[in-house]
């Protein structure tokens, strides 16, 4: 399903950063559908919208990660439900749905782009 997938590459975004969550399915999965509050197992990579610099990647660590959606940034809580196992989805997340305004977290004030492969729901 997704085990043979490789780390995604990111196209440079065009235009200004969006002010709302942007959800784009790159590959539509055919397995179980994620619902709000589910635990999910994913592979993901994240880059900053403005610089294109990668700040995190499960591929970089060589293993997928499992977590409950409730514990994640709002952009993931809103952007993963409806996705199906085997799918790959891109989320463009504005600061108010990510790590808030500048200051505090090192990603505060930044729009983030994630590509997420949903391996398993539950």
C-alpha atoms as a PDB file:
ATOM      1  CA  UNK A   1       0.000   0.000   0.000  1.00  0.00           C
ATOM      2  CA  UNK A   2       2.192   2.870   1.214  1.00  0.00           C
ATOM      3  CA  UNK A   3       5.215   0.873   2.361  1.00  0.00           C
ATOM      4  CA  UNK A   4       6.883   1.194  -1.025  1.00  0.00           C
ATOM      5  CA  UNK A   5       6.283   4.944  -1.279  1.00  0.00           C
ATOM      6  CA  UNK A   6       9.195   7.289  -1.241  1.00  0.00           C
ATOM      7  CA  UNK A   7       9.613  10.595   0.513  1.00  0.00           C
ATOM      8  CA  UNK A   8       7.607  13.287  -1.272  1.00  0.00           C
ATOM      9  CA  UNK A   9       9.111  16.233  -3.051  1.00  0.00           C
ATOM     10  CA  UNK A  10       7.632  19.694  -2.751  1.00  0.00           C
ATOM     11  CA  UNK A  11       6.869  22.101  -5.571  1.00  0.00           C
ATOM     12  CA  UNK A  12       7.592  25.735  -4.778  1.00  0.00           C
ATOM     13  CA  UNK A  13       4.276  27.387  -3.916  1.00  0.00           C
ATOM     14  CA  UNK A  14       3.033  30.188  -6.116  1.00  0.00           C
ATOM     15  CA  UNK A  15       1.475  33.382  -4.825  1.00  0.00           C
ATOM     16  CA  UNK A  16       0.886  34.467  -1.250  1.00  0.00           C
ATOM     17  CA  UNK A  17       0.407  32.024   1.600  1.00  0.00           C
ATOM     18  CA  UNK A  18      -3.251  31.039   2.058  1.00  0.00           C
ATOM     19  CA  UNK A  19      -5.151  32.286   5.089  1.00  0.00           C
ATOM     20  CA  UNK A  20      -7.265  29.138   5.373  1.00  0.00           C
ATOM     21  CA  UNK A  21      -6.415  25.428   5.437  1.00  0.00           C
ATOM     22  CA  UNK A  22      -5.804  24.021   1.947  1.00  0.00           C
ATOM     23  CA  UNK A  23      -6.390  20.269   1.507  1.00  0.00           C
ATOM     24  CA  UNK A  24      -5.305  18.554  -1.704  1.00  0.00           C
ATOM     25  CA  UNK A  25      -5.409  14.792  -2.277  1.00  0.00           C
ATOM     26  CA  UNK A  26      -2.357  13.689  -4.256  1.00  0.00           C
ATOM     27  CA  UNK A  27      -3.332  10.008  -4.108  1.00  0.00           C
ATOM     28  CA  UNK A  28      -6.803   8.893  -3.014  1.00  0.00           C
ATOM     29  CA  UNK A  29      -6.643   5.889  -0.701  1.00  0.00           C
ATOM     30  CA  UNK A  30      -8.993   2.927  -0.734  1.00  0.00           C
ATOM     31  CA  UNK A  31      -8.751   1.729   2.875  1.00  0.00           C
ATOM     32  CA  UNK A  32     -10.436   2.739   6.113  1.00  0.00           C
ATOM     33  CA  UNK A  33     -11.354   6.420   6.440  1.00  0.00           C
ATOM     34  CA  UNK A  34      -9.902   8.552   9.222  1.00  0.00           C
ATOM     35  CA  UNK A  35     -12.450  10.271  11.461  1.00  0.00           C
ATOM     36  CA  UNK A  36     -11.943  13.129  13.943  1.00  0.00           C
ATOM     37  CA  UNK A  37     -10.273  11.831  17.097  1.00  0.00           C
ATOM     38  CA  UNK A  38      -8.931   8.622  15.523  1.00  0.00           C
ATOM     39  CA  UNK A  39      -5.395   7.410  16.062  1.00  0.00           C
ATOM     40  CA  UNK A  40      -3.465   7.265  12.802  1.00  0.00           C
ATOM     41  CA  UNK A  41      -0.166   5.857  11.558  1.00  0.00           C
ATOM     42  CA  UNK A  42       1.453   8.128   8.988  1.00  0.00           C
ATOM     43  CA  UNK A  43       4.599   9.004   7.127  1.00  0.00           C
ATOM     44  CA  UNK A  44       4.963  12.737   6.597  1.00  0.00           C
ATOM     45  CA  UNK A  45       7.282  15.541   5.626  1.00  0.00           C
ATOM     46  CA  UNK A  46       6.881  19.227   6.391  1.00  0.00           C
ATOM     47  CA  UNK A  47       8.401  22.345   4.846  1.00  0.00           C
ATOM     48  CA  UNK A  48       8.022  26.065   5.469  1.00  0.00           C
ATOM     49  CA  UNK A  49       5.837  27.774   2.857  1.00  0.00           C
ATOM     50  CA  UNK A  50       8.101  30.807   2.428  1.00  0.00           C
ATOM     51  CA  UNK A  51      11.550  29.195   2.432  1.00  0.00           C
ATOM     52  CA  UNK A  52      10.750  25.650   1.264  1.00  0.00           C
ATOM     53  CA  UNK A  53      13.073  24.386   4.005  1.00  0.00           C
ATOM     54  CA  UNK A  54      12.207  21.042   5.551  1.00  0.00           C
ATOM     55  CA  UNK A  55      11.662  21.236   9.310  1.00  0.00           C
ATOM     56  CA  UNK A  56      10.513  17.675   9.992  1.00  0.00           C
ATOM     57  CA  UNK A  57      10.141  14.316   8.252  1.00  0.00           C
ATOM     58  CA  UNK A  58       9.305  10.825   9.444  1.00  0.00           C
ATOM     59  CA  UNK A  59      11.198   9.590   6.364  1.00  0.00           C
ATOM     60  CA  UNK A  60      14.296  11.266   7.798  1.00  0.00           C
ATOM     61  CA  UNK A  61      13.911   9.102  10.912  1.00  0.00           C
ATOM     62  CA  UNK A  62      13.280   5.999   8.823  1.00  0.00           C
ATOM     63  CA  UNK A  63       9.979   5.021  10.422  1.00  0.00           C
ATOM     64  CA  UNK A  64       6.331   5.957  10.426  1.00  0.00           C
ATOM     65  CA  UNK A  65       4.707   7.485  13.493  1.00  0.00           C
ATOM     66  CA  UNK A  66       1.407   6.775  15.241  1.00  0.00           C
ATOM     67  CA  UNK A  67      -0.551   9.310  17.284  1.00  0.00           C
ATOM     68  CA  UNK A  68      -4.072  10.419  18.177  1.00  0.00           C
ATOM     69  CA  UNK A  69      -5.349  13.287  16.028  1.00  0.00           C
ATOM     70  CA  UNK A  70      -6.533  15.117  19.164  1.00  0.00           C
ATOM     71  CA  UNK A  71      -2.913  15.706  20.193  1.00  0.00           C
ATOM     72  CA  UNK A  72      -1.879  17.398  16.948  1.00  0.00           C
ATOM     73  CA  UNK A  73      -1.992  20.912  15.560  1.00  0.00           C
ATOM     74  CA  UNK A  74      -5.440  22.027  14.435  1.00  0.00           C
ATOM     75  CA  UNK A  75      -4.499  21.878  10.753  1.00  0.00           C
ATOM     76  CA  UNK A  76      -3.905  18.120  11.079  1.00  0.00           C
ATOM     77  CA  UNK A  77      -7.060  17.627  13.179  1.00  0.00           C
ATOM     78  CA  UNK A  78      -9.062  19.342  10.427  1.00  0.00           C
ATOM     79  CA  UNK A  79      -7.073  18.079   7.430  1.00  0.00           C
ATOM     80  CA  UNK A  80      -6.719  14.330   7.995  1.00  0.00           C
ATOM     81  CA  UNK A  81     -10.344  13.257   8.659  1.00  0.00           C
ATOM     82  CA  UNK A  82     -11.906  12.031   5.424  1.00  0.00           C
ATOM     83  CA  UNK A  83      -8.559  10.715   4.208  1.00  0.00           C
ATOM     84  CA  UNK A  84      -8.411   6.957   3.514  1.00  0.00           C
ATOM     85  CA  UNK A  85      -5.655   4.431   4.208  1.00  0.00           C
ATOM     86  CA  UNK A  86      -3.243   4.333   1.291  1.00  0.00           C
ATOM     87  CA  UNK A  87      -3.838   7.999   0.488  1.00  0.00           C
ATOM     88  CA  UNK A  88      -1.338  10.841   0.203  1.00  0.00           C
ATOM     89  CA  UNK A  89      -2.580  14.325   1.059  1.00  0.00           C
ATOM     90  CA  UNK A  90      -1.010  17.754   1.017  1.00  0.00           C
ATOM     91  CA  UNK A  91      -1.998  20.240   3.715  1.00  0.00           C
ATOM     92  CA  UNK A  92      -1.083  23.929   3.559  1.00  0.00           C
ATOM     93  CA  UNK A  93      -1.616  25.204   7.087  1.00  0.00           C
ATOM     94  CA  UNK A  94      -1.700  28.905   8.046  1.00  0.00           C
ATOM     95  CA  UNK A  95      -0.121  29.950  11.376  1.00  0.00           C
ATOM     96  CA  UNK A  96      -3.396  30.162  13.342  1.00  0.00           C
ATOM     97  CA  UNK A  97      -4.017  26.445  12.607  1.00  0.00           C
ATOM     98  CA  UNK A  98      -0.364  25.453  13.179  1.00  0.00           C
ATOM     99  CA  UNK A  99       1.857  26.899  15.916  1.00  0.00           C
ATOM    100  CA  UNK A 100       0.270  30.313  16.368  1.00  0.00           C
ATOM    101  CA  UNK A 101       1.855  33.750  16.020  1.00  0.00           C
ATOM    102  CA  UNK A 102       5.589  34.398  15.857  1.00  0.00           C
ATOM    103  CA  UNK A 103       7.442  33.912  19.128  1.00  0.00           C
ATOM    104  CA  UNK A 104       7.153  30.900  21.395  1.00  0.00           C
ATOM    105  CA  UNK A 105       7.488  27.904  19.040  1.00  0.00           C
ATOM    106  CA  UNK A 106      10.201  28.073  16.360  1.00  0.00           C
ATOM    107  CA  UNK A 107       7.513  27.527  13.709  1.00  0.00           C
ATOM    108  CA  UNK A 108       5.244  30.232  15.154  1.00  0.00           C
ATOM    109  CA  UNK A 109       4.010  32.728  12.566  1.00  0.00           C
ATOM    110  CA  UNK A 110       4.841  30.411   9.668  1.00  0.00           C
ATOM    111  CA  UNK A 111       2.602  28.817   7.056  1.00  0.00           C
ATOM    112  CA  UNK A 112       3.498  25.128   6.778  1.00  0.00           C
ATOM    113  CA  UNK A 113       3.138  22.553   4.003  1.00  0.00           C
ATOM    114  CA  UNK A 114       2.846  18.879   4.919  1.00  0.00           C
ATOM    115  CA  UNK A 115       2.588  15.841   2.671  1.00  0.00           C
ATOM    116  CA  UNK A 116       1.077  12.975   4.648  1.00  0.00           C
ATOM    117  CA  UNK A 117       0.751   9.302   3.706  1.00  0.00           C
ATOM    118  CA  UNK A 118      -1.986   7.620   5.746  1.00  0.00           C
ATOM    119  CA  UNK A 119      -0.792   4.092   6.460  1.00  0.00           C
ATOM    120  CA  UNK A 120      -3.333   2.927   9.055  1.00  0.00           C
ATOM    121  CA  UNK A 121      -6.369   4.169  10.959  1.00  0.00           C
ATOM    122  CA  UNK A 122      -6.686   2.892  14.529  1.00  0.00           C
END
